[in-house]
Every structure is written in structure tokens, then in C-alpha cells.
Amino acid sequence: MTSLKYVCSMALKISFGPISWLMVSEIFPLRTRGKGISLAVLTNFGSNAIVTFAFSPLKELLGAENLFLLFGVIALLSLVFVVTSVPET
């Protein structure tokens, strides 16, 4: 059962990866697209760095199973956000 939780949480996390890259190329007007994409990429890499650096301390604090469960919950919340708030481009 534990490995199933890992697989499900990782599948949800991986499935949202392309959305951010696709959206940033379409939501900014041409005049500000360069600066907008730069800021979006900085935010994306900053978020990835925070997750990377926080992983080991959180694993020690919560345990691996609970940490991946937390990531799965975050992924489900992001799915709800995408479905309800992200416009179709």
C-alpha cells in the first residue's frame, strides 16, 4: 500500500509539470512577454529549489510516507485550482 501512495503522488506531481511552461508562453502580451516569462521561470526554479532543500528536513520530521502523502494532497489542490481557475487558452 505504501508504494501505491508513492506512485500516485508522483504521478499527480509529474502531470502538472508541462502546464506551467505552456501557460507562461500564452498568457503574457507580446510587449511584456520576455519579462513575464523571465519572472515566471524564476518563480518556477525558486519553487523547485525550496522543495529540494526542504525535502530532507521534512522527511526527517514527517517520515517518507507522510511527506509523499502531503505532496499528493498539494497536487490534488493544484488540480482543483487548474480545473476551476485556469482559463482555456
C-alpha atoms as a PDB file:
ATOM      1  CA  MET A   1       0.000   0.000   0.000  1.00  0.00           C
ATOM      2  CA  THR A   2       2.856   2.377   0.765  1.00  0.00           C
ATOM      3  CA  SER A   3       4.348   2.068  -2.715  1.00  0.00           C
ATOM      4  CA  LEU A   4       0.928   2.795  -4.226  1.00  0.00           C
ATOM      5  CA  LYS A   5       0.832   6.098  -2.324  1.00  0.00           C
ATOM      6  CA  TYR A   6       4.275   6.979  -3.672  1.00  0.00           C
ATOM      7  CA  VAL A   7       3.301   6.194  -7.249  1.00  0.00           C
ATOM      8  CA  CYS A   8       0.013   8.097  -7.068  1.00  0.00           C
ATOM      9  CA  SER A   9       1.537  11.202  -5.503  1.00  0.00           C
ATOM     10  CA  MET A  10       4.404  11.251  -8.001  1.00  0.00           C
ATOM     11  CA  ALA A  11       2.064  10.714 -10.963  1.00  0.00           C
ATOM     12  CA  LEU A  12      -0.017  13.703  -9.908  1.00  0.00           C
ATOM     13  CA  LYS A  13       3.060  15.864  -9.398  1.00  0.00           C
ATOM     14  CA  ILE A  14       4.621  14.939 -12.728  1.00  0.00           C
ATOM     15  CA  SER A  15       1.394  15.507 -14.653  1.00  0.00           C
ATOM     16  CA  PHE A  16       1.321  19.233 -13.784  1.00  0.00           C
ATOM     17  CA  GLY A  17       4.860  19.946 -14.943  1.00  0.00           C
ATOM     18  CA  PRO A  18       4.086  20.981 -18.535  1.00  0.00           C
ATOM     19  CA  ILE A  19       1.148  23.201 -17.549  1.00  0.00           C
ATOM     20  CA  SER A  20       3.312  25.944 -16.101  1.00  0.00           C
ATOM     21  CA  TRP A  21       5.592  26.039 -19.148  1.00  0.00           C
ATOM     22  CA  LEU A  22       2.681  26.058 -21.562  1.00  0.00           C
ATOM     23  CA  MET A  23       0.761  28.754 -19.727  1.00  0.00           C
ATOM     24  CA  VAL A  24       3.616  31.251 -19.418  1.00  0.00           C
ATOM     25  CA  SER A  25       4.133  31.265 -23.154  1.00  0.00           C
ATOM     26  CA  GLU A  26       0.479  32.127 -23.772  1.00  0.00           C
ATOM     27  CA  ILE A  27      -0.725  34.453 -21.014  1.00  0.00           C
ATOM     28  CA  PHE A  28       1.604  37.426 -21.422  1.00  0.00           C
ATOM     29  CA  PRO A  29       1.048  40.044 -24.138  1.00  0.00           C
ATOM     30  CA  LEU A  30       3.818  40.433 -26.702  1.00  0.00           C
ATOM     31  CA  ARG A  31       5.064  43.728 -25.216  1.00  0.00           C
ATOM     32  CA  THR A  32       5.788  42.174 -21.814  1.00  0.00           C
ATOM     33  CA  ARG A  33       6.264  38.531 -22.743  1.00  0.00           C
ATOM     34  CA  GLY A  34      10.039  38.482 -22.211  1.00  0.00           C
ATOM     35  CA  LYS A  35       9.887  39.989 -18.734  1.00  0.00           C
ATOM     36  CA  GLY A  36       6.826  37.938 -17.800  1.00  0.00           C
ATOM     37  CA  ILE A  37       8.369  34.655 -18.858  1.00  0.00           C
ATOM     38  CA  SER A  38      11.595  35.573 -17.038  1.00  0.00           C
ATOM     39  CA  LEU A  39       9.681  36.202 -13.823  1.00  0.00           C
ATOM     40  CA  ALA A  40       7.651  33.001 -14.258  1.00  0.00           C
ATOM     41  CA  VAL A  41      10.798  30.926 -14.832  1.00  0.00           C
ATOM     42  CA  LEU A  42      12.474  32.496 -11.793  1.00  0.00           C
ATOM     43  CA  THR A  43       9.413  31.636  -9.695  1.00  0.00           C
ATOM     44  CA  ASN A  44       9.334  28.077 -11.059  1.00  0.00           C
ATOM     45  CA  PHE A  45      13.005  27.418 -10.336  1.00  0.00           C
ATOM     46  CA  GLY A  46      12.717  29.113  -6.932  1.00  0.00           C
ATOM     47  CA  SER A  47       9.801  26.847  -6.025  1.00  0.00           C
ATOM     48  CA  ASN A  48      11.757  23.805  -7.141  1.00  0.00           C
ATOM     49  CA  ALA A  49      14.732  24.895  -5.020  1.00  0.00           C
ATOM     50  CA  ILE A  50      12.519  25.316  -1.946  1.00  0.00           C
ATOM     51  CA  VAL A  51      11.078  21.818  -2.393  1.00  0.00           C
ATOM     52  CA  THR A  52      14.553  20.368  -2.929  1.00  0.00           C
ATOM     53  CA  PHE A  53      16.096  21.993   0.136  1.00  0.00           C
ATOM     54  CA  ALA A  54      13.078  21.314   2.362  1.00  0.00           C
ATOM     55  CA  PHE A  55      12.749  17.638   1.389  1.00  0.00           C
ATOM     56  CA  SER A  56      15.331  16.140   3.774  1.00  0.00           C
ATOM     57  CA  PRO A  57      14.256  18.067   6.885  1.00  0.00           C
ATOM     58  CA  LEU A  58      10.596  17.352   6.151  1.00  0.00           C
ATOM     59  CA  LYS A  59      11.361  13.676   5.595  1.00  0.00           C
ATOM     60  CA  GLU A  60      13.031  13.526   9.000  1.00  0.00           C
ATOM     61  CA  LEU A  61      10.134  15.376  10.625  1.00  0.00           C
ATOM     62  CA  LEU A  62       7.165  13.673   8.939  1.00  0.00           C
ATOM     63  CA  GLY A  63       8.565  10.417   7.591  1.00  0.00           C
ATOM     64  CA  ALA A  64       8.693   9.444   3.933  1.00  0.00           C
ATOM     65  CA  GLU A  65       5.141   8.114   3.700  1.00  0.00           C
ATOM     66  CA  ASN A  66       3.542  11.206   5.233  1.00  0.00           C
ATOM     67  CA  LEU A  67       5.732  13.533   3.188  1.00  0.00           C
ATOM     68  CA  PHE A  68       4.652  11.956  -0.084  1.00  0.00           C
ATOM     69  CA  LEU A  69       1.067  11.994   1.145  1.00  0.00           C
ATOM     70  CA  LEU A  70       1.481  15.736   1.753  1.00  0.00           C
ATOM     71  CA  PHE A  71       2.860  16.170  -1.776  1.00  0.00           C
ATOM     72  CA  GLY A  72      -0.127  14.212  -3.107  1.00  0.00           C
ATOM     73  CA  VAL A  73      -2.559  16.499  -1.269  1.00  0.00           C
ATOM     74  CA  ILE A  74      -0.785  19.547  -2.671  1.00  0.00           C
ATOM     75  CA  ALA A  75      -1.027  18.027  -6.155  1.00  0.00           C
ATOM     76  CA  LEU A  76      -4.774  17.425  -5.706  1.00  0.00           C
ATOM     77  CA  LEU A  77      -5.239  21.017  -4.569  1.00  0.00           C
ATOM     78  CA  SER A  78      -3.352  22.192  -7.648  1.00  0.00           C
ATOM     79  CA  LEU A  79      -5.640  20.046  -9.810  1.00  0.00           C
ATOM     80  CA  VAL A  80      -8.680  21.747  -8.277  1.00  0.00           C
ATOM     81  CA  PHE A  81      -7.078  25.142  -8.887  1.00  0.00           C
ATOM     82  CA  VAL A  82      -6.267  24.352 -12.521  1.00  0.00           C
ATOM     83  CA  VAL A  83      -9.746  22.992 -13.251  1.00  0.00           C
ATOM     84  CA  THR A  84     -11.563  25.888 -11.578  1.00  0.00           C
ATOM     85  CA  SER A  85      -9.339  28.911 -12.166  1.00  0.00           C
ATOM     86  CA  VAL A  86      -7.004  28.486 -15.141  1.00  0.00           C
ATOM     87  CA  PRO A  87      -8.630  29.756 -18.334  1.00  0.00           C
ATOM     88  CA  GLU A  88      -8.576  27.711 -21.508  1.00  0.00           C
ATOM     89  CA  THR A  89      -6.059  29.230 -23.879  1.00  0.00           C
END
